Amino acid sequence: MYDMKNLKRLKSLEAHAPDAFKAFWAFDKAAMADGAIPSKYKELMALAVAFTTQCPYCIEVHAGKARDAGATTAEIAEAVAVAAALRAGAAITHGTHALRDE
């Protein structure tokens, strides 16, 4: 199901909804460009989000872009740890919804 070749189908989606995709690509480009946060750190943030959403396409794409932007294996490993901590933290805090005041 998850095959990087599927990303070639984005062109078909774009052909059927050109205005929306044009806006999406422009937003994506602007969001990931160097700014107050350098693109390397934005790519590491994108990786952490991808780990939590478990999107194999995003992991593949942003891992490559992070490395291209100069991210090291150690930085990527720490992004994994940050994502894991946040995901675990969300499970812990959401667990409070299952409790009753005693």
N, C-alpha and C. Protein backbone atom coordinates (compact mmCIF):
# COMPACT_ATOMS: atom_id res chain seq x y z
N MET A 1 0.82 -1.19 0.00
CA MET A 1 0.00 0.00 0.00
C MET A 1 0.87 1.26 0.00
N TYR A 2 1.87 1.30 0.89
CA TYR A 2 2.73 2.47 0.95
C TYR A 2 3.95 2.24 0.07
N ASP A 3 3.90 2.80 -1.09
CA ASP A 3 4.98 2.69 -2.05
C ASP A 3 5.30 4.10 -2.52
N MET A 4 6.55 4.48 -2.48
CA MET A 4 6.92 5.83 -2.88
C MET A 4 6.49 6.14 -4.31
N LYS A 5 6.28 5.11 -5.13
CA LYS A 5 5.79 5.32 -6.50
C LYS A 5 4.41 5.96 -6.50
N ASN A 6 3.65 5.77 -5.42
CA ASN A 6 2.33 6.37 -5.33
C ASN A 6 2.38 7.90 -5.40
N LEU A 7 3.50 8.47 -5.00
CA LEU A 7 3.62 9.92 -5.01
C LEU A 7 3.55 10.49 -6.42
N LYS A 8 3.82 9.64 -7.42
CA LYS A 8 3.67 10.08 -8.81
C LYS A 8 2.22 10.42 -9.13
N ARG A 9 1.29 9.87 -8.35
CA ARG A 9 -0.13 10.13 -8.56
C ARG A 9 -0.55 11.51 -8.07
N LEU A 10 0.34 12.19 -7.39
CA LEU A 10 0.03 13.56 -6.96
C LEU A 10 -0.29 14.44 -8.17
N LYS A 11 0.35 14.17 -9.28
CA LYS A 11 0.08 14.95 -10.50
C LYS A 11 -1.36 14.79 -10.94
N SER A 12 -1.91 13.61 -10.77
CA SER A 12 -3.31 13.39 -11.12
C SER A 12 -4.23 14.15 -10.18
N LEU A 13 -3.93 14.11 -8.89
CA LEU A 13 -4.73 14.89 -7.94
C LEU A 13 -4.67 16.38 -8.29
N GLU A 14 -3.46 16.83 -8.58
CA GLU A 14 -3.27 18.24 -8.91
C GLU A 14 -4.03 18.62 -10.18
N ALA A 15 -4.06 17.73 -11.15
CA ALA A 15 -4.78 18.00 -12.40
C ALA A 15 -6.28 18.14 -12.17
N HIS A 16 -6.79 17.44 -11.17
CA HIS A 16 -8.23 17.47 -10.90
C HIS A 16 -8.64 18.56 -9.92
N ALA A 17 -7.68 19.13 -9.22
CA ALA A 17 -7.96 20.22 -8.27
C ALA A 17 -6.80 21.22 -8.32
N PRO A 18 -6.58 21.83 -9.47
CA PRO A 18 -5.38 22.64 -9.67
C PRO A 18 -5.27 23.85 -8.73
N ASP A 19 -6.34 24.54 -8.48
CA ASP A 19 -6.26 25.72 -7.63
C ASP A 19 -5.88 25.35 -6.20
N ALA A 20 -6.50 24.31 -5.68
CA ALA A 20 -6.20 23.87 -4.31
C ALA A 20 -4.77 23.40 -4.20
N PHE A 21 -4.30 22.64 -5.19
CA PHE A 21 -2.93 22.13 -5.11
C PHE A 21 -1.90 23.23 -5.32
N LYS A 22 -2.21 24.19 -6.18
CA LYS A 22 -1.30 25.32 -6.36
C LYS A 22 -1.14 26.05 -5.03
N ALA A 23 -2.25 26.26 -4.34
CA ALA A 23 -2.21 26.93 -3.03
C ALA A 23 -1.45 26.08 -2.01
N PHE A 24 -1.69 24.76 -2.03
CA PHE A 24 -1.00 23.88 -1.09
C PHE A 24 0.51 23.93 -1.31
N TRP A 25 0.95 23.79 -2.56
CA TRP A 25 2.39 23.77 -2.83
C TRP A 25 3.04 25.09 -2.44
N ALA A 26 2.34 26.21 -2.69
CA ALA A 26 2.89 27.51 -2.30
C ALA A 26 3.01 27.62 -0.79
N PHE A 27 1.98 27.16 -0.07
CA PHE A 27 2.01 27.19 1.39
C PHE A 27 3.13 26.30 1.92
N ASP A 28 3.23 25.09 1.38
CA ASP A 28 4.26 24.16 1.82
C ASP A 28 5.65 24.75 1.62
N LYS A 29 5.87 25.34 0.47
CA LYS A 29 7.17 25.95 0.17
C LYS A 29 7.47 27.08 1.15
N ALA A 30 6.49 27.93 1.42
CA ALA A 30 6.69 29.05 2.33
C ALA A 30 6.92 28.56 3.76
N ALA A 31 6.17 27.56 4.17
CA ALA A 31 6.29 27.04 5.54
C ALA A 31 7.65 26.42 5.78
N MET A 32 8.23 25.77 4.79
CA MET A 32 9.48 25.05 4.97
C MET A 32 10.72 25.87 4.61
N ALA A 33 10.53 27.09 4.12
CA ALA A 33 11.66 27.93 3.73
C ALA A 33 12.39 28.44 4.97
N ASP A 34 13.68 28.77 4.76
CA ASP A 34 14.44 29.42 5.82
C ASP A 34 13.70 30.68 6.27
N GLY A 35 13.68 30.88 7.55
CA GLY A 35 13.07 32.08 8.12
C GLY A 35 13.63 32.25 9.51
N ALA A 36 12.79 32.61 10.46
CA ALA A 36 13.25 32.71 11.84
C ALA A 36 13.79 31.35 12.30
N ILE A 37 13.22 30.29 11.75
CA ILE A 37 13.71 28.92 12.00
C ILE A 37 14.39 28.44 10.72
N PRO A 38 15.65 28.05 10.78
CA PRO A 38 16.34 27.54 9.59
C PRO A 38 15.68 26.26 9.06
N SER A 39 15.78 26.06 7.76
CA SER A 39 15.11 24.91 7.13
C SER A 39 15.54 23.58 7.72
N LYS A 40 16.78 23.46 8.16
CA LYS A 40 17.24 22.20 8.77
C LYS A 40 16.36 21.85 9.98
N TYR A 41 16.10 22.84 10.81
CA TYR A 41 15.28 22.58 12.00
C TYR A 41 13.82 22.36 11.63
N LYS A 42 13.37 23.03 10.59
CA LYS A 42 12.00 22.78 10.13
C LYS A 42 11.86 21.35 9.63
N GLU A 43 12.88 20.85 8.94
CA GLU A 43 12.84 19.47 8.46
C GLU A 43 12.87 18.48 9.62
N LEU A 44 13.63 18.78 10.65
CA LEU A 44 13.65 17.92 11.84
C LEU A 44 12.29 17.95 12.54
N MET A 45 11.67 19.12 12.58
CA MET A 45 10.32 19.22 13.15
C MET A 45 9.33 18.42 12.30
N ALA A 46 9.45 18.53 10.98
CA ALA A 46 8.58 17.78 10.09
C ALA A 46 8.76 16.28 10.31
N LEU A 47 9.99 15.86 10.52
CA LEU A 47 10.24 14.44 10.80
C LEU A 47 9.57 14.01 12.09
N ALA A 48 9.69 14.81 13.13
CA ALA A 48 9.06 14.46 14.41
C ALA A 48 7.55 14.34 14.25
N VAL A 49 6.96 15.26 13.51
CA VAL A 49 5.51 15.17 13.24
C VAL A 49 5.21 13.91 12.44
N ALA A 50 6.03 13.62 11.45
CA ALA A 50 5.81 12.43 10.62
C ALA A 50 5.91 11.15 11.44
N PHE A 51 6.82 11.13 12.41
CA PHE A 51 6.91 9.95 13.27
C PHE A 51 5.64 9.78 14.09
N THR A 52 5.08 10.88 14.57
CA THR A 52 3.87 10.77 15.39
C THR A 52 2.64 10.46 14.55
N THR A 53 2.58 11.00 13.32
CA THR A 53 1.45 10.67 12.44
C THR A 53 1.67 9.34 11.72
N GLN A 54 2.90 8.85 11.79
CA GLN A 54 3.30 7.58 11.18
C GLN A 54 3.06 7.55 9.68
N CYS A 55 3.40 8.67 9.03
CA CYS A 55 3.26 8.76 7.57
C CYS A 55 4.58 8.34 6.92
N PRO A 56 4.61 7.18 6.28
CA PRO A 56 5.87 6.72 5.69
C PRO A 56 6.37 7.63 4.57
N TYR A 57 5.44 8.26 3.85
CA TYR A 57 5.86 9.18 2.79
C TYR A 57 6.57 10.39 3.39
N CYS A 58 5.97 10.96 4.42
CA CYS A 58 6.58 12.13 5.07
C CYS A 58 7.91 11.78 5.70
N ILE A 59 8.00 10.61 6.31
CA ILE A 59 9.27 10.20 6.92
C ILE A 59 10.34 10.11 5.84
N GLU A 60 10.04 9.46 4.74
CA GLU A 60 11.01 9.31 3.66
C GLU A 60 11.42 10.65 3.08
N VAL A 61 10.44 11.47 2.76
CA VAL A 61 10.72 12.76 2.12
C VAL A 61 11.50 13.68 3.07
N HIS A 62 11.02 13.82 4.31
CA HIS A 62 11.64 14.77 5.21
C HIS A 62 12.96 14.26 5.80
N ALA A 63 13.15 12.96 5.88
CA ALA A 63 14.46 12.44 6.28
C ALA A 63 15.51 12.85 5.25
N GLY A 64 15.17 12.69 4.00
CA GLY A 64 16.09 13.09 2.93
C GLY A 64 16.35 14.58 2.93
N LYS A 65 15.29 15.36 3.08
CA LYS A 65 15.46 16.82 3.09
C LYS A 65 16.23 17.28 4.32
N ALA A 66 16.01 16.63 5.46
CA ALA A 66 16.76 16.99 6.67
C ALA A 66 18.24 16.73 6.45
N ARG A 67 18.56 15.58 5.90
CA ARG A 67 19.98 15.26 5.63
C ARG A 67 20.56 16.25 4.62
N ASP A 68 19.78 16.56 3.58
CA ASP A 68 20.26 17.53 2.59
C ASP A 68 20.51 18.90 3.22
N ALA A 69 19.74 19.23 4.26
CA ALA A 69 19.90 20.51 4.95
C ALA A 69 21.00 20.46 6.01
N GLY A 70 21.65 19.30 6.15
CA GLY A 70 22.77 19.18 7.06
C GLY A 70 22.50 18.45 8.37
N ALA A 71 21.30 17.88 8.51
CA ALA A 71 20.98 17.15 9.75
C ALA A 71 21.84 15.89 9.85
N THR A 72 22.28 15.62 11.06
CA THR A 72 23.10 14.44 11.31
C THR A 72 22.21 13.28 11.79
N THR A 73 22.79 12.10 11.82
CA THR A 73 22.08 10.94 12.35
C THR A 73 21.70 11.17 13.81
N ALA A 74 22.59 11.79 14.57
CA ALA A 74 22.29 12.07 15.98
C ALA A 74 21.11 13.02 16.11
N GLU A 75 21.02 14.03 15.25
CA GLU A 75 19.89 14.97 15.30
C GLU A 75 18.59 14.26 14.93
N ILE A 76 18.64 13.40 13.94
CA ILE A 76 17.44 12.64 13.56
C ILE A 76 17.03 11.71 14.69
N ALA A 77 18.00 11.07 15.33
CA ALA A 77 17.69 10.18 16.46
C ALA A 77 17.03 10.97 17.59
N GLU A 78 17.50 12.18 17.85
CA GLU A 78 16.88 12.99 18.89
C GLU A 78 15.48 13.43 18.49
N ALA A 79 15.24 13.65 17.20
CA ALA A 79 13.89 13.98 16.73
C ALA A 79 12.96 12.79 16.97
N VAL A 80 13.47 11.59 16.79
CA VAL A 80 12.69 10.38 17.10
C VAL A 80 12.32 10.37 18.58
N ALA A 81 13.29 10.66 19.44
CA ALA A 81 13.05 10.65 20.88
C ALA A 81 12.05 11.72 21.28
N VAL A 82 12.14 12.90 20.69
CA VAL A 82 11.18 13.97 20.99
C VAL A 82 9.78 13.53 20.58
N ALA A 83 9.65 12.96 19.39
CA ALA A 83 8.34 12.50 18.92
C ALA A 83 7.78 11.42 19.85
N ALA A 84 8.63 10.50 20.26
CA ALA A 84 8.19 9.43 21.16
C ALA A 84 7.75 9.99 22.51
N ALA A 85 8.49 10.96 23.02
CA ALA A 85 8.13 11.57 24.31
C ALA A 85 6.79 12.28 24.22
N LEU A 86 6.58 13.00 23.13
CA LEU A 86 5.31 13.71 22.99
C LEU A 86 4.15 12.75 22.79
N ARG A 87 4.37 11.72 22.03
CA ARG A 87 3.30 10.75 21.82
C ARG A 87 2.96 10.03 23.13
N ALA A 88 3.99 9.65 23.87
CA ALA A 88 3.76 9.01 25.17
C ALA A 88 3.10 9.98 26.13
N GLY A 89 3.56 11.22 26.13
CA GLY A 89 2.98 12.23 27.00
C GLY A 89 1.51 12.45 26.71
N ALA A 90 1.15 12.42 25.45
CA ALA A 90 -0.26 12.57 25.07
C ALA A 90 -1.09 11.41 25.60
N ALA A 91 -0.54 10.21 25.55
CA ALA A 91 -1.27 9.05 26.09
C ALA A 91 -1.47 9.21 27.60
N ILE A 92 -0.45 9.66 28.28
CA ILE A 92 -0.54 9.85 29.73
C ILE A 92 -1.58 10.91 30.08
N THR A 93 -1.48 12.06 29.44
CA THR A 93 -2.41 13.15 29.77
C THR A 93 -3.83 12.83 29.34
N HIS A 94 -4.00 12.14 28.22
CA HIS A 94 -5.34 11.74 27.81
C HIS A 94 -5.92 10.68 28.74
N GLY A 95 -5.03 9.94 29.40
CA GLY A 95 -5.48 8.95 30.38
C GLY A 95 -6.28 9.57 31.51
N THR A 96 -6.03 10.85 31.77
CA THR A 96 -6.78 11.50 32.85
C THR A 96 -8.28 11.57 32.55
N HIS A 97 -8.64 11.50 31.29
CA HIS A 97 -10.06 11.53 30.90
C HIS A 97 -10.79 10.26 31.34
N ALA A 98 -10.05 9.21 31.58
CA ALA A 98 -10.66 7.94 31.99
C ALA A 98 -10.86 7.85 33.50
N LEU A 99 -10.32 8.80 34.23
CA LEU A 99 -10.41 8.78 35.69
C LEU A 99 -11.62 9.57 36.17
N ARG A 100 -12.08 9.19 37.33
CA ARG A 100 -13.15 9.94 37.99
C ARG A 100 -12.60 10.57 39.24
N ASP A 101 -13.11 11.71 39.58
CA ASP A 101 -12.70 12.33 40.84
C ASP A 101 -13.20 11.43 41.97
N GLU A 102 -12.34 11.19 42.91
CA GLU A 102 -12.71 10.31 44.02
C GLU A 102 -12.98 11.09 45.27
